[in-house]
Protein backbone atom coordinates (compact mmCIF):
# COMPACT_ATOMS: atom_id res chain seq x y z
CA UNK A 1 -17.53 -20.39 -26.85
CA UNK A 2 -16.00 -23.16 -24.78
CA UNK A 3 -12.55 -22.35 -23.46
CA UNK A 4 -9.44 -24.72 -23.25
CA UNK A 5 -10.00 -25.77 -19.70
CA UNK A 6 -13.31 -26.88 -18.40
CA UNK A 7 -13.53 -24.42 -15.54
CA UNK A 8 -12.71 -21.43 -17.72
CA UNK A 9 -16.23 -20.63 -18.70
CA UNK A 10 -17.39 -20.58 -15.13
CA UNK A 11 -14.48 -18.46 -14.10
CA UNK A 12 -15.56 -15.91 -16.78
CA UNK A 13 -19.20 -15.98 -15.47
CA UNK A 14 -18.05 -15.41 -11.93
CA UNK A 15 -15.98 -12.51 -13.01
CA UNK A 16 -18.86 -10.89 -14.84
CA UNK A 17 -21.98 -11.30 -12.74
CA UNK A 18 -24.97 -9.10 -13.43
CA UNK A 19 -25.79 -6.63 -10.89
CA UNK A 20 -29.00 -6.04 -9.06
CA UNK A 21 -31.70 -3.67 -10.34
CA UNK A 22 -31.39 -1.02 -7.79
CA UNK A 23 -34.07 1.19 -9.43
CA UNK A 24 -36.70 -1.57 -9.08
CA UNK A 25 -35.80 -2.19 -5.42
CA UNK A 26 -36.03 1.57 -4.81
CA UNK A 27 -39.60 1.66 -6.36
CA UNK A 28 -40.72 -1.11 -3.95
CA UNK A 29 -39.35 0.60 -0.91
CA UNK A 30 -40.84 3.92 -2.04
CA UNK A 31 -44.21 2.18 -2.33
CA UNK A 32 -43.96 0.72 1.15
CA UNK A 33 -43.05 4.23 2.45
CA UNK A 34 -46.16 5.72 0.89
CA UNK A 35 -48.51 3.05 2.37
CA UNK A 36 -50.72 3.86 5.22
CA UNK A 37 -48.72 2.14 7.94
CA UNK A 38 -45.85 3.01 10.37
CA UNK A 39 -42.56 3.25 8.66
CA UNK A 40 -40.75 -0.12 8.27
CA UNK A 41 -43.45 -1.73 10.35
CA UNK A 42 -43.30 -4.85 8.12
CA UNK A 43 -39.71 -5.56 8.92
CA UNK A 44 -38.01 -8.14 6.76
CA UNK A 45 -41.10 -8.48 4.63
CA UNK A 46 -40.13 -5.19 3.11
CA UNK A 47 -36.54 -6.18 2.71
CA UNK A 48 -37.59 -9.55 0.94
CA UNK A 49 -39.93 -7.64 -1.36
CA UNK A 50 -37.11 -5.22 -2.22
CA UNK A 51 -34.65 -8.08 -2.69
CA UNK A 52 -37.11 -9.83 -5.07
CA UNK A 53 -37.52 -6.70 -7.10
CA UNK A 54 -33.79 -6.11 -7.26
CA UNK A 55 -33.09 -9.57 -8.65
CA UNK A 56 -36.14 -10.04 -10.76
CA UNK A 57 -36.33 -6.57 -12.18
CA UNK A 58 -40.09 -6.36 -11.39
CA UNK A 59 -41.57 -3.66 -9.05
CA UNK A 60 -43.75 -4.70 -7.40
CA UNK A 61 -42.29 -8.22 -7.57
CA UNK A 62 -44.27 -11.47 -8.32
CA UNK A 63 -43.53 -15.13 -7.71
CA UNK A 64 -45.56 -17.17 -10.24
CA UNK A 65 -43.19 -20.02 -11.25
CA UNK A 66 -41.31 -21.11 -8.06
CA UNK A 67 -39.22 -24.14 -8.38
CA UNK A 68 -37.61 -26.49 -5.80
CA UNK A 69 -34.63 -28.28 -7.19
CA UNK A 70 -33.13 -31.12 -5.17
CA UNK A 71 -29.88 -32.74 -6.19
CA UNK A 72 -28.88 -36.21 -4.85
CA UNK A 73 -25.36 -37.51 -4.86
CA UNK A 74 -23.36 -40.27 -3.06
CA UNK A 75 -19.69 -40.10 -1.74
CA UNK A 76 -16.77 -42.40 -1.54
CA UNK A 77 -15.79 -41.01 1.86
CA UNK A 78 -18.72 -42.88 3.42
CA UNK A 79 -16.56 -46.04 3.40
CA UNK A 80 -14.91 -44.52 6.56
CA UNK A 81 -17.94 -44.83 8.62
CA UNK A 82 -18.89 -41.11 8.84
CA UNK A 83 -22.63 -41.68 8.77
CA UNK A 84 -24.99 -44.01 10.53
CA UNK A 85 -27.00 -44.29 7.35
CA UNK A 86 -26.23 -46.68 4.62
CA UNK A 87 -25.39 -45.31 1.11
CA UNK A 88 -28.64 -46.85 -0.20
CA UNK A 89 -30.54 -44.31 1.82
CA UNK A 90 -29.88 -41.69 -0.77
CA UNK A 91 -31.63 -43.69 -3.58
CA UNK A 92 -34.49 -44.60 -1.25
CA UNK A 93 -35.05 -40.96 -0.46
CA UNK A 94 -35.09 -40.11 -4.22
CA UNK A 95 -37.62 -42.86 -4.79
CA UNK A 96 -39.78 -41.60 -1.89
CA UNK A 97 -39.83 -38.13 -3.48
CA UNK A 98 -40.71 -39.60 -6.87
CA UNK A 99 -43.61 -41.46 -5.24
CA UNK A 100 -44.89 -38.29 -3.58
CA UNK A 101 -44.37 -39.52 -0.12
CA UNK A 102 -41.43 -37.36 1.13
CA UNK A 103 -41.78 -34.26 3.30
CA UNK A 104 -40.76 -32.02 0.38
CA UNK A 105 -43.67 -33.21 -1.74
CA UNK A 106 -46.09 -32.04 0.99
CA UNK A 107 -44.45 -28.72 1.48
CA UNK A 108 -44.45 -28.09 -2.28
CA UNK A 109 -48.22 -28.92 -2.45
CA UNK A 110 -48.92 -26.50 0.60
CA UNK A 111 -47.03 -23.62 -1.23
CA UNK A 112 -47.86 -24.40 -4.81
CA UNK A 113 -44.17 -25.09 -5.83
CA UNK A 114 -42.85 -27.01 -8.70
CA UNK A 115 -40.42 -29.78 -7.79
CA UNK A 116 -37.63 -31.50 -9.61
CA UNK A 117 -35.27 -34.13 -8.02
CA UNK A 118 -32.06 -35.09 -9.83
CA UNK A 119 -30.31 -38.36 -9.38
CA UNK A 120 -26.60 -37.60 -9.98
CA UNK A 121 -25.20 -41.04 -10.82
CA UNK A 122 -26.06 -42.43 -7.44
CA UNK A 123 -24.64 -45.89 -8.53
CA UNK A 124 -21.18 -44.25 -8.95
CA UNK A 125 -20.11 -42.62 -5.67
CA UNK A 126 -17.44 -39.93 -5.95
CA UNK A 127 -13.87 -40.92 -5.14
CA UNK A 128 -12.70 -41.14 -1.43
CA UNK A 129 -11.49 -37.52 -0.85
CA UNK A 130 -8.77 -38.80 1.63
CA UNK A 131 -7.04 -40.65 -1.17
CA UNK A 132 -8.13 -38.90 -4.40
CA UNK A 133 -10.01 -35.95 -5.94
CA UNK A 134 -13.68 -36.35 -5.63
CA UNK A 135 -14.14 -35.53 -9.32
CA UNK A 136 -11.76 -34.71 -12.33
CA UNK A 137 -12.15 -31.18 -13.71
CA UNK A 138 -14.16 -32.24 -16.72
CA UNK A 139 -16.55 -34.28 -14.59
CA UNK A 140 -17.09 -31.44 -12.04
CA UNK A 141 -17.59 -28.89 -14.88
CA UNK A 142 -20.06 -31.06 -16.59
CA UNK A 143 -22.01 -31.53 -13.31
CA UNK A 144 -22.06 -27.81 -12.79
CA UNK A 145 -23.44 -27.42 -16.32
CA UNK A 146 -26.08 -30.05 -15.52
CA UNK A 147 -27.10 -28.03 -12.38
CA UNK A 148 -27.42 -24.92 -14.61
CA UNK A 149 -30.21 -26.79 -16.57
CA UNK A 150 -32.40 -26.98 -13.64
CA UNK A 151 -34.02 -23.70 -14.58
CA UNK A 152 -34.18 -24.57 -18.23
CA UNK A 153 -38.11 -24.91 -17.98
CA UNK A 154 -38.38 -21.45 -16.52
CA UNK A 155 -38.59 -20.21 -12.90
CA UNK A 156 -38.84 -16.97 -11.00
CA UNK A 157 -37.83 -18.26 -7.63
CA UNK A 158 -35.30 -21.12 -7.17
CA UNK A 159 -35.26 -23.16 -3.96
CA UNK A 160 -32.16 -25.49 -3.70
CA UNK A 161 -31.78 -28.58 -1.61
CA UNK A 162 -29.82 -31.75 -1.40
CA UNK A 163 -29.86 -35.50 -0.61
CA UNK A 164 -26.65 -37.46 0.09
CA UNK A 165 -25.60 -39.80 2.71
CA UNK A 166 -22.28 -38.41 4.18
CA UNK A 167 -22.53 -35.07 2.64
CA UNK A 168 -22.26 -33.18 5.94
CA UNK A 169 -18.67 -34.51 6.13
CA UNK A 170 -18.00 -33.27 2.66
CA UNK A 171 -19.53 -29.93 3.49
CA UNK A 172 -17.22 -29.75 6.61
CA UNK A 173 -14.26 -30.38 4.36
CA UNK A 174 -15.38 -27.55 2.04
CA UNK A 175 -15.85 -25.15 4.82
CA UNK A 176 -12.44 -25.95 6.32
CA UNK A 177 -10.77 -25.52 2.97
CA UNK A 178 -12.51 -22.30 2.07
CA UNK A 179 -13.04 -20.53 5.51
CA UNK A 180 -10.13 -21.97 7.46
CA UNK A 181 -9.83 -24.35 10.47
CA UNK A 182 -9.74 -28.03 11.02
CA UNK A 183 -12.26 -30.90 10.77
CA UNK A 184 -13.25 -30.50 14.40
CA UNK A 185 -14.25 -26.87 13.80
CA UNK A 186 -16.84 -27.91 11.23
CA UNK A 187 -18.25 -31.40 11.85
CA UNK A 188 -21.37 -32.10 13.69
CA UNK A 189 -23.90 -34.90 14.28
CA UNK A 190 -25.24 -34.81 10.71
CA UNK A 191 -27.95 -37.51 10.45
CA UNK A 192 -27.27 -38.88 13.88
CA UNK A 193 -23.58 -39.35 14.41
CA UNK A 194 -22.55 -40.11 18.01
CA UNK A 195 -19.35 -38.60 19.60
CA UNK A 196 -17.17 -41.33 18.27
CA UNK A 197 -18.42 -40.93 14.77
CA UNK A 198 -18.03 -37.17 14.89
CA UNK A 199 -14.46 -37.63 15.93
CA UNK A 200 -13.97 -39.93 12.98
CA UNK A 201 -15.59 -37.42 10.66
CA UNK A 202 -13.07 -34.70 11.87
CA UNK A 203 -10.23 -37.08 11.37
CA UNK A 204 -11.34 -37.82 7.73
CA UNK A 205 -11.76 -34.11 6.99
CA UNK A 206 -8.22 -33.43 8.29
CA UNK A 207 -6.93 -36.39 6.29
CA UNK A 208 -8.57 -35.02 3.10
CA UNK A 209 -7.12 -31.58 3.74
CA UNK A 210 -3.61 -33.00 4.11
CA UNK A 211 -3.94 -35.15 1.03
CA UNK A 212 -5.00 -32.22 -1.11
CA UNK A 213 -2.57 -29.61 0.55
CA UNK A 214 -1.09 -27.31 -2.05
CA UNK A 215 -4.05 -27.67 -4.43
CA UNK A 216 -6.74 -25.74 -2.40
CA UNK A 217 -6.03 -22.11 -3.35
CA UNK A 218 -8.60 -21.87 -6.20
CA UNK A 219 -12.29 -22.34 -5.18
CA UNK A 220 -13.40 -24.40 -8.22
CA UNK A 221 -10.44 -26.72 -7.57
CA UNK A 222 -11.53 -26.96 -3.97
CA UNK A 223 -14.99 -27.98 -5.21
CA UNK A 224 -13.81 -30.72 -7.46
CA UNK A 225 -11.22 -32.20 -5.07
CA UNK A 226 -13.30 -32.12 -1.88
CA UNK A 227 -16.87 -31.72 -2.93
CA UNK A 228 -19.31 -34.05 -4.77
CA UNK A 229 -21.91 -34.11 -7.55
CA UNK A 230 -24.80 -32.43 -5.63
CA UNK A 231 -22.40 -29.71 -4.44
CA UNK A 232 -21.20 -29.13 -8.09
CA UNK A 233 -24.74 -29.09 -9.43
CA UNK A 234 -25.95 -26.64 -6.72
CA UNK A 235 -23.11 -24.33 -7.46
CA UNK A 236 -24.08 -24.37 -11.19
CA UNK A 237 -27.70 -23.77 -10.40
CA UNK A 238 -26.88 -20.72 -8.20
CA UNK A 239 -24.65 -19.32 -11.00
CA UNK A 240 -27.28 -19.95 -13.72
CA UNK A 241 -29.93 -18.31 -11.62
CA UNK A 242 -27.64 -15.26 -11.30
CA UNK A 243 -27.12 -14.94 -14.95
CA UNK A 244 -30.79 -14.99 -15.62
CA UNK A 245 -31.73 -12.80 -12.66
CA UNK A 246 -33.60 -15.42 -10.65
CA UNK A 247 -33.70 -15.03 -6.87
CA UNK A 248 -32.46 -18.05 -4.95
CA UNK A 249 -33.27 -19.70 -1.63
CA UNK A 250 -30.65 -21.86 -0.14
CA UNK A 251 -31.50 -24.77 2.10
CA UNK A 252 -29.25 -26.81 4.36
CA UNK A 253 -25.57 -27.20 5.03
CA UNK A 254 -24.68 -28.78 1.73
CA UNK A 255 -26.19 -25.99 -0.34
CA UNK A 256 -24.46 -23.48 1.89
CA UNK A 257 -21.15 -25.17 1.32
CA UNK A 258 -21.70 -25.10 -2.46
CA UNK A 259 -22.51 -21.43 -2.15
CA UNK A 260 -19.37 -20.89 -0.18
CA UNK A 261 -17.30 -22.04 -3.29
CA UNK A 262 -18.87 -19.28 -5.31
CA UNK A 263 -18.48 -16.78 -2.54
CA UNK A 264 -14.68 -17.55 -2.34
CA UNK A 265 -14.41 -16.94 -6.09
CA UNK A 266 -16.43 -13.70 -5.91
CA UNK A 267 -17.83 -12.26 -2.80
CA UNK A 268 -20.80 -10.74 -4.69
CA UNK A 269 -21.83 -14.21 -6.08
CA UNK A 270 -24.50 -14.76 -3.46
CA UNK A 271 -26.16 -11.40 -3.46
CA UNK A 272 -29.18 -12.83 -5.16
CA UNK A 273 -29.45 -15.63 -2.56
CA UNK A 274 -31.24 -15.78 0.76
CA UNK A 275 -30.72 -18.50 3.40
CA UNK A 276 -33.99 -20.34 4.22
CA UNK A 277 -32.90 -21.36 7.65
CA UNK A 278 -30.20 -22.98 9.81
CA UNK A 279 -29.81 -26.70 10.36
CA UNK A 280 -29.16 -28.02 13.80
CA UNK A 281 -25.42 -28.34 12.72
CA UNK A 282 -23.40 -25.66 14.75
CA UNK A 283 -21.09 -25.23 11.77
CA UNK A 284 -23.96 -24.14 9.58
CA UNK A 285 -24.61 -20.98 11.69
CA UNK A 286 -20.84 -20.35 11.71
CA UNK A 287 -20.49 -20.67 7.92
CA UNK A 288 -23.64 -18.51 7.25
CA UNK A 289 -22.28 -15.78 9.39
CA UNK A 290 -18.93 -15.83 7.50
CA UNK A 291 -20.89 -15.73 4.30
CA UNK A 292 -23.14 -12.86 5.27
CA UNK A 293 -26.17 -15.05 5.05
CA UNK A 294 -29.00 -14.27 7.59
CA UNK A 295 -31.63 -17.07 7.92
CA UNK A 296 -35.18 -16.23 7.23
CA UNK A 297 -36.64 -19.05 9.50
CA UNK A 298 -35.67 -20.71 12.73
CA UNK A 299 -37.43 -24.07 12.63
CA UNK A 300 -34.56 -26.43 13.46
CA UNK A 301 -35.06 -28.17 10.10
CA UNK A 302 -32.16 -30.38 9.20
CA UNK A 303 -34.08 -32.85 7.13
CA UNK A 304 -32.64 -32.15 3.68
CA UNK A 305 -34.65 -32.49 0.53
CA UNK A 306 -34.98 -28.75 0.30
CA UNK A 307 -37.83 -28.68 2.90
CA UNK A 308 -36.47 -25.46 4.54
CA UNK A 309 -36.24 -23.59 1.33
CA UNK A 310 -39.76 -24.76 0.37
CA UNK A 311 -41.09 -23.61 3.72
CA UNK A 312 -39.43 -20.22 3.28
CA UNK A 313 -40.83 -19.91 -0.29
CA UNK A 314 -44.16 -19.45 1.24
CA UNK A 315 -42.89 -16.44 3.09
CA UNK A 316 -41.18 -15.14 -0.17
CA UNK A 317 -44.58 -15.42 -2.01
CA UNK A 318 -46.35 -13.62 0.89
CA UNK A 319 -43.84 -10.70 0.73
CA UNK A 320 -44.39 -10.40 -3.05
CA UNK A 321 -48.16 -10.35 -2.63
CA UNK A 322 -47.92 -7.86 0.24
CA UNK A 323 -45.85 -5.62 -1.98
CA UNK A 324 -48.10 -5.80 -4.99
CA UNK A 325 -51.40 -5.49 -2.95
CA UNK A 326 -50.20 -2.51 -1.06
CA UNK A 327 -48.82 -0.91 -4.17
CA UNK A 328 -52.31 -1.19 -5.83
CA UNK A 329 -53.88 0.45 -2.79
CA UNK A 330 -51.33 3.27 -2.93
CA UNK A 331 -52.10 3.89 -6.64
CA UNK A 332 -55.83 3.84 -5.99
């Protein structure tokens, strides 16, 4: 039943998250221990297989319906010159994905992944966070609910990515509000900002923090004030995946910032998530460490579109097949 305030249902979900299936994880680890190989010789492959079992409830695990969901949004804060790219670049990237010519299309074909790209009202950028809240509570909650629908068609592995000019500045603002520090602690080059633009990004983050001071004690309030539509949708998708026991791969600094909102509300909220890799942004590694997310890959991918998560999905699928194939051999 819908509660009086738009965020109340999400707060209830965050307070009552389903736990991992530890019995399924234990069965996978037992099968690896029985296999004819040195103990723990497959390293993180064994950990990944155990994680998959824990969050899917299947032992050995399987990945048969992997999905990449990419959420695209635009931001009013771009008016301050925080990105070398024009706002129109977001829509152009979405169109390229639709035409099959983006990097994410090729990686999805290579790893046999489904792909959905969501245009989140690109013609209506969020409000300038230095002067107003990015979204009102109802709009933010509705966008989170929209993100939850990404898995409506079914999935057993969800890979999350983003598109959005200026969203590295928004991510920096979220990290500063949730994890502490100032703009200079969290901004980076983004899509190619020079030193002067990075300084401007830091000033914008500090201005936003100052404007919203006194209203940043509650994580979902931080999301609606400083975030954007792709951040809200990604947070909703992560939460929906948890309620349906679907493992999640996070990609990029924006998805990590959205995840940080949920982590601030409940530190267990990301237990079903793995981080695909680190972008070249120094703040990404800093935030990942604070959130307890250890990257799977080290490819220096900062492209967006969920490319890093799609690449890591191949590793996840390999871990599942390794577990099931070796389990069959053990039973034989």
